[in-house]
Amino acid sequence: FFPYRILYYVILSGNKKYEGGSSDMMKIMLSLSSERRAIPTIAHALKVRVAFAEYDYHAFFALQDNCPNMGAYLMDYLVPSFRRDALQRIRKAFR
């Protein structure tokens, strides 16, 4: 369930209440050993976290297509806000 918890905190980071970041996510990151980071599902969740934090739209949607187990259902909650943010950034870039 560890990868699902990481994805859940990524969802929370998109919430205005947690805009400054979640200390729970930091605790999770500090508790991860290198062996656990190598587990494919955890590695995928960490890549999603990085793509979301860096607004890397291409990587995010590629990771959504290749999501292991049931993580894609959690990622589906992120898609509408992520697309809206992407369109706003593209619109600002072409002003």
N, C-alpha and C. Protein backbone atom coordinates (compact mmCIF):
# COMPACT_ATOMS: atom_id res chain seq x y z
N PHE A 1 0.80 -1.20 0.00
CA PHE A 1 0.00 0.00 0.00
C PHE A 1 0.85 1.27 0.00
N PHE A 2 2.13 1.11 0.12
CA PHE A 2 3.03 2.26 0.19
C PHE A 2 2.95 3.14 -1.06
N PRO A 3 2.96 2.56 -2.27
CA PRO A 3 2.84 3.41 -3.47
C PRO A 3 1.52 4.18 -3.51
N TYR A 4 0.45 3.56 -3.03
CA TYR A 4 -0.84 4.26 -3.02
C TYR A 4 -0.81 5.45 -2.07
N ARG A 5 -0.08 5.29 -0.97
CA ARG A 5 0.02 6.40 -0.03
C ARG A 5 0.80 7.56 -0.65
N ILE A 6 1.84 7.25 -1.40
CA ILE A 6 2.60 8.30 -2.09
C ILE A 6 1.70 9.01 -3.09
N LEU A 7 0.95 8.25 -3.88
CA LEU A 7 0.05 8.87 -4.86
C LEU A 7 -1.04 9.69 -4.16
N TYR A 8 -1.51 9.22 -3.02
CA TYR A 8 -2.51 9.98 -2.26
C TYR A 8 -1.95 11.33 -1.82
N TYR A 9 -0.71 11.35 -1.36
CA TYR A 9 -0.12 12.62 -0.95
C TYR A 9 0.17 13.53 -2.14
N VAL A 10 0.40 12.95 -3.30
CA VAL A 10 0.51 13.77 -4.52
C VAL A 10 -0.83 14.43 -4.81
N ILE A 11 -1.91 13.69 -4.65
CA ILE A 11 -3.24 14.26 -4.84
C ILE A 11 -3.47 15.39 -3.84
N LEU A 12 -3.09 15.17 -2.59
CA LEU A 12 -3.26 16.21 -1.58
C LEU A 12 -2.41 17.44 -1.88
N SER A 13 -1.27 17.26 -2.51
CA SER A 13 -0.42 18.42 -2.80
C SER A 13 -1.07 19.34 -3.84
N GLY A 14 -2.01 18.81 -4.61
CA GLY A 14 -2.75 19.65 -5.55
C GLY A 14 -3.88 20.41 -4.88
N ASN A 15 -4.16 20.10 -3.61
CA ASN A 15 -5.21 20.76 -2.84
C ASN A 15 -4.67 22.08 -2.31
N LYS A 16 -5.48 23.12 -2.34
CA LYS A 16 -5.06 24.45 -1.87
C LYS A 16 -4.67 24.43 -0.39
N LYS A 17 -5.31 23.55 0.40
CA LYS A 17 -5.01 23.48 1.83
C LYS A 17 -3.57 23.04 2.07
N TYR A 18 -3.04 22.20 1.20
CA TYR A 18 -1.69 21.66 1.37
C TYR A 18 -0.71 22.30 0.41
N GLU A 19 -0.96 23.52 0.00
CA GLU A 19 -0.14 24.16 -1.02
C GLU A 19 1.33 24.28 -0.61
N GLY A 20 1.58 24.46 0.67
CA GLY A 20 2.95 24.60 1.14
C GLY A 20 3.69 23.28 1.19
N GLY A 21 3.00 22.19 1.02
CA GLY A 21 3.62 20.87 1.09
C GLY A 21 3.15 20.13 2.32
N SER A 22 3.25 18.86 2.27
CA SER A 22 2.79 18.03 3.38
C SER A 22 3.99 17.46 4.11
N SER A 23 3.98 17.59 5.42
CA SER A 23 5.08 17.02 6.21
C SER A 23 5.01 15.50 6.16
N ASP A 24 3.82 14.94 5.92
CA ASP A 24 3.69 13.49 5.82
C ASP A 24 4.46 12.95 4.61
N MET A 25 4.41 13.68 3.52
CA MET A 25 5.16 13.25 2.33
C MET A 25 6.66 13.27 2.63
N MET A 26 7.10 14.28 3.36
CA MET A 26 8.52 14.36 3.71
C MET A 26 8.92 13.19 4.61
N LYS A 27 8.04 12.82 5.53
CA LYS A 27 8.32 11.68 6.40
C LYS A 27 8.44 10.39 5.59
N ILE A 28 7.56 10.24 4.60
CA ILE A 28 7.62 9.06 3.74
C ILE A 28 8.93 9.03 2.97
N MET A 29 9.31 10.17 2.42
CA MET A 29 10.53 10.23 1.62
C MET A 29 11.76 9.91 2.48
N LEU A 30 11.76 10.38 3.71
CA LEU A 30 12.89 10.11 4.60
C LEU A 30 12.94 8.66 5.07
N SER A 31 11.78 8.02 5.13
CA SER A 31 11.74 6.64 5.61
C SER A 31 12.08 5.61 4.53
N LEU A 32 12.14 6.04 3.29
CA LEU A 32 12.42 5.09 2.20
C LEU A 32 13.90 4.73 2.14
N SER A 33 14.15 3.45 2.14
CA SER A 33 15.52 2.98 1.93
C SER A 33 15.76 2.80 0.44
N SER A 34 17.00 2.62 0.07
CA SER A 34 17.31 2.45 -1.35
C SER A 34 16.71 1.15 -1.90
N GLU A 35 16.59 0.13 -1.05
CA GLU A 35 15.98 -1.13 -1.49
C GLU A 35 14.50 -0.94 -1.80
N ARG A 36 13.83 -0.16 -0.95
CA ARG A 36 12.40 0.07 -1.18
C ARG A 36 12.17 0.97 -2.39
N ARG A 37 13.08 1.92 -2.62
CA ARG A 37 12.95 2.80 -3.79
C ARG A 37 13.09 2.02 -5.09
N ALA A 38 13.74 0.88 -5.04
CA ALA A 38 13.96 0.07 -6.23
C ALA A 38 12.75 -0.80 -6.58
N ILE A 39 11.80 -0.93 -5.68
CA ILE A 39 10.58 -1.71 -5.96
C ILE A 39 9.82 -0.98 -7.07
N PRO A 40 9.43 -1.68 -8.14
CA PRO A 40 8.84 -1.02 -9.31
C PRO A 40 7.62 -0.14 -9.01
N THR A 41 6.73 -0.58 -8.15
CA THR A 41 5.54 0.23 -7.88
C THR A 41 5.89 1.50 -7.11
N ILE A 42 6.82 1.40 -6.19
CA ILE A 42 7.25 2.58 -5.43
C ILE A 42 8.03 3.52 -6.34
N ALA A 43 8.89 2.97 -7.20
CA ALA A 43 9.64 3.79 -8.14
C ALA A 43 8.70 4.55 -9.06
N HIS A 44 7.63 3.90 -9.49
CA HIS A 44 6.65 4.56 -10.36
C HIS A 44 5.97 5.71 -9.62
N ALA A 45 5.55 5.47 -8.37
CA ALA A 45 4.88 6.52 -7.58
C ALA A 45 5.82 7.70 -7.36
N LEU A 46 7.10 7.44 -7.15
CA LEU A 46 8.06 8.52 -6.96
C LEU A 46 8.25 9.32 -8.25
N LYS A 47 8.23 8.63 -9.39
CA LYS A 47 8.32 9.32 -10.68
C LYS A 47 7.10 10.20 -10.91
N VAL A 48 5.94 9.72 -10.51
CA VAL A 48 4.71 10.52 -10.63
C VAL A 48 4.83 11.77 -9.77
N ARG A 49 5.35 11.62 -8.57
CA ARG A 49 5.53 12.76 -7.68
C ARG A 49 6.44 13.81 -8.30
N VAL A 50 7.53 13.36 -8.90
CA VAL A 50 8.46 14.29 -9.54
C VAL A 50 7.81 14.96 -10.75
N ALA A 51 7.11 14.20 -11.57
CA ALA A 51 6.45 14.77 -12.75
C ALA A 51 5.40 15.80 -12.34
N PHE A 52 4.66 15.52 -11.28
CA PHE A 52 3.63 16.45 -10.81
C PHE A 52 4.27 17.71 -10.24
N ALA A 53 5.33 17.56 -9.48
CA ALA A 53 5.99 18.71 -8.86
C ALA A 53 6.67 19.61 -9.89
N GLU A 54 7.18 19.00 -10.96
CA GLU A 54 7.91 19.77 -11.98
C GLU A 54 7.03 20.17 -13.15
N TYR A 55 5.73 19.90 -13.07
CA TYR A 55 4.78 20.20 -14.15
C TYR A 55 5.24 19.59 -15.48
N ASP A 56 5.74 18.37 -15.41
CA ASP A 56 6.19 17.65 -16.61
C ASP A 56 5.00 16.86 -17.15
N TYR A 57 4.25 17.50 -18.05
CA TYR A 57 3.00 16.94 -18.54
C TYR A 57 3.24 15.66 -19.33
N HIS A 58 4.24 15.67 -20.17
CA HIS A 58 4.52 14.49 -20.99
C HIS A 58 4.84 13.28 -20.11
N ALA A 59 5.71 13.46 -19.15
CA ALA A 59 6.08 12.34 -18.26
C ALA A 59 4.88 11.89 -17.43
N PHE A 60 4.07 12.83 -16.96
CA PHE A 60 2.92 12.47 -16.14
C PHE A 60 1.95 11.57 -16.91
N PHE A 61 1.61 11.97 -18.14
CA PHE A 61 0.64 11.17 -18.89
C PHE A 61 1.25 9.86 -19.39
N ALA A 62 2.55 9.84 -19.63
CA ALA A 62 3.20 8.57 -19.98
C ALA A 62 3.18 7.63 -18.77
N LEU A 63 3.40 8.18 -17.58
CA LEU A 63 3.35 7.35 -16.38
C LEU A 63 1.93 6.86 -16.09
N GLN A 64 0.95 7.67 -16.42
CA GLN A 64 -0.43 7.24 -16.21
C GLN A 64 -0.78 6.06 -17.11
N ASP A 65 -0.27 6.08 -18.33
CA ASP A 65 -0.53 4.98 -19.25
C ASP A 65 0.13 3.68 -18.81
N ASN A 66 1.25 3.79 -18.10
CA ASN A 66 2.02 2.60 -17.68
C ASN A 66 1.94 2.35 -16.18
N CYS A 67 0.85 2.74 -15.58
CA CYS A 67 0.72 2.64 -14.13
C CYS A 67 0.49 1.18 -13.70
N PRO A 68 1.29 0.70 -12.75
CA PRO A 68 1.09 -0.68 -12.28
C PRO A 68 -0.09 -0.77 -11.31
N ASN A 69 -0.67 -1.94 -11.27
CA ASN A 69 -1.77 -2.26 -10.35
C ASN A 69 -2.92 -1.27 -10.49
N MET A 70 -3.44 -0.77 -9.40
CA MET A 70 -4.63 0.10 -9.42
C MET A 70 -4.29 1.57 -9.23
N GLY A 71 -3.03 1.93 -9.36
CA GLY A 71 -2.61 3.31 -9.17
C GLY A 71 -3.21 4.27 -10.19
N ALA A 72 -3.59 3.76 -11.35
CA ALA A 72 -4.18 4.62 -12.38
C ALA A 72 -5.48 5.25 -11.91
N TYR A 73 -6.21 4.55 -11.05
CA TYR A 73 -7.46 5.11 -10.52
C TYR A 73 -7.19 6.32 -9.64
N LEU A 74 -6.11 6.27 -8.88
CA LEU A 74 -5.74 7.44 -8.07
C LEU A 74 -5.24 8.57 -8.96
N MET A 75 -4.51 8.22 -10.00
CA MET A 75 -3.99 9.25 -10.90
C MET A 75 -5.11 9.93 -11.68
N ASP A 76 -6.23 9.23 -11.88
CA ASP A 76 -7.36 9.82 -12.58
C ASP A 76 -7.89 11.06 -11.86
N TYR A 77 -7.73 11.14 -10.54
CA TYR A 77 -8.15 12.33 -9.80
C TYR A 77 -7.30 13.54 -10.13
N LEU A 78 -6.06 13.31 -10.55
CA LEU A 78 -5.13 14.40 -10.84
C LEU A 78 -5.31 14.97 -12.24
N VAL A 79 -5.83 14.18 -13.15
CA VAL A 79 -5.86 14.55 -14.57
C VAL A 79 -6.60 15.85 -14.85
N PRO A 80 -7.82 16.07 -14.36
CA PRO A 80 -8.51 17.33 -14.72
C PRO A 80 -7.76 18.59 -14.28
N SER A 81 -7.27 18.61 -13.04
CA SER A 81 -6.55 19.80 -12.58
C SER A 81 -5.21 19.93 -13.30
N PHE A 82 -4.57 18.81 -13.60
CA PHE A 82 -3.28 18.85 -14.29
C PHE A 82 -3.45 19.39 -15.71
N ARG A 83 -4.50 18.97 -16.40
CA ARG A 83 -4.77 19.47 -17.75
C ARG A 83 -5.14 20.96 -17.72
N ARG A 84 -5.95 21.35 -16.74
CA ARG A 84 -6.32 22.76 -16.61
C ARG A 84 -5.08 23.63 -16.38
N ASP A 85 -4.19 23.18 -15.49
CA ASP A 85 -2.96 23.93 -15.23
C ASP A 85 -2.08 23.99 -16.47
N ALA A 86 -2.03 22.89 -17.22
CA ALA A 86 -1.22 22.86 -18.44
C ALA A 86 -1.75 23.86 -19.45
N LEU A 87 -3.07 23.90 -19.64
CA LEU A 87 -3.65 24.84 -20.60
C LEU A 87 -3.43 26.28 -20.17
N GLN A 88 -3.51 26.56 -18.88
CA GLN A 88 -3.26 27.90 -18.40
C GLN A 88 -1.81 28.31 -18.63
N ARG A 89 -0.89 27.41 -18.40
CA ARG A 89 0.54 27.73 -18.62
C ARG A 89 0.84 27.92 -20.10
N ILE A 90 0.23 27.10 -20.94
CA ILE A 90 0.44 27.25 -22.39
C ILE A 90 -0.15 28.56 -22.86
N ARG A 91 -1.32 28.92 -22.35
CA ARG A 91 -1.95 30.18 -22.74
C ARG A 91 -1.10 31.37 -22.31
N LYS A 92 -0.54 31.32 -21.13
CA LYS A 92 0.33 32.41 -20.65
C LYS A 92 1.60 32.50 -21.48
N ALA A 93 2.10 31.37 -21.94
CA ALA A 93 3.34 31.36 -22.71
C ALA A 93 3.15 32.02 -24.08
N PHE A 94 1.96 31.95 -24.62
CA PHE A 94 1.71 32.51 -25.95
C PHE A 94 1.08 33.88 -25.92
N ARG A 95 1.03 34.52 -24.80
CA ARG A 95 0.50 35.89 -24.71
C ARG A 95 1.49 36.87 -25.21
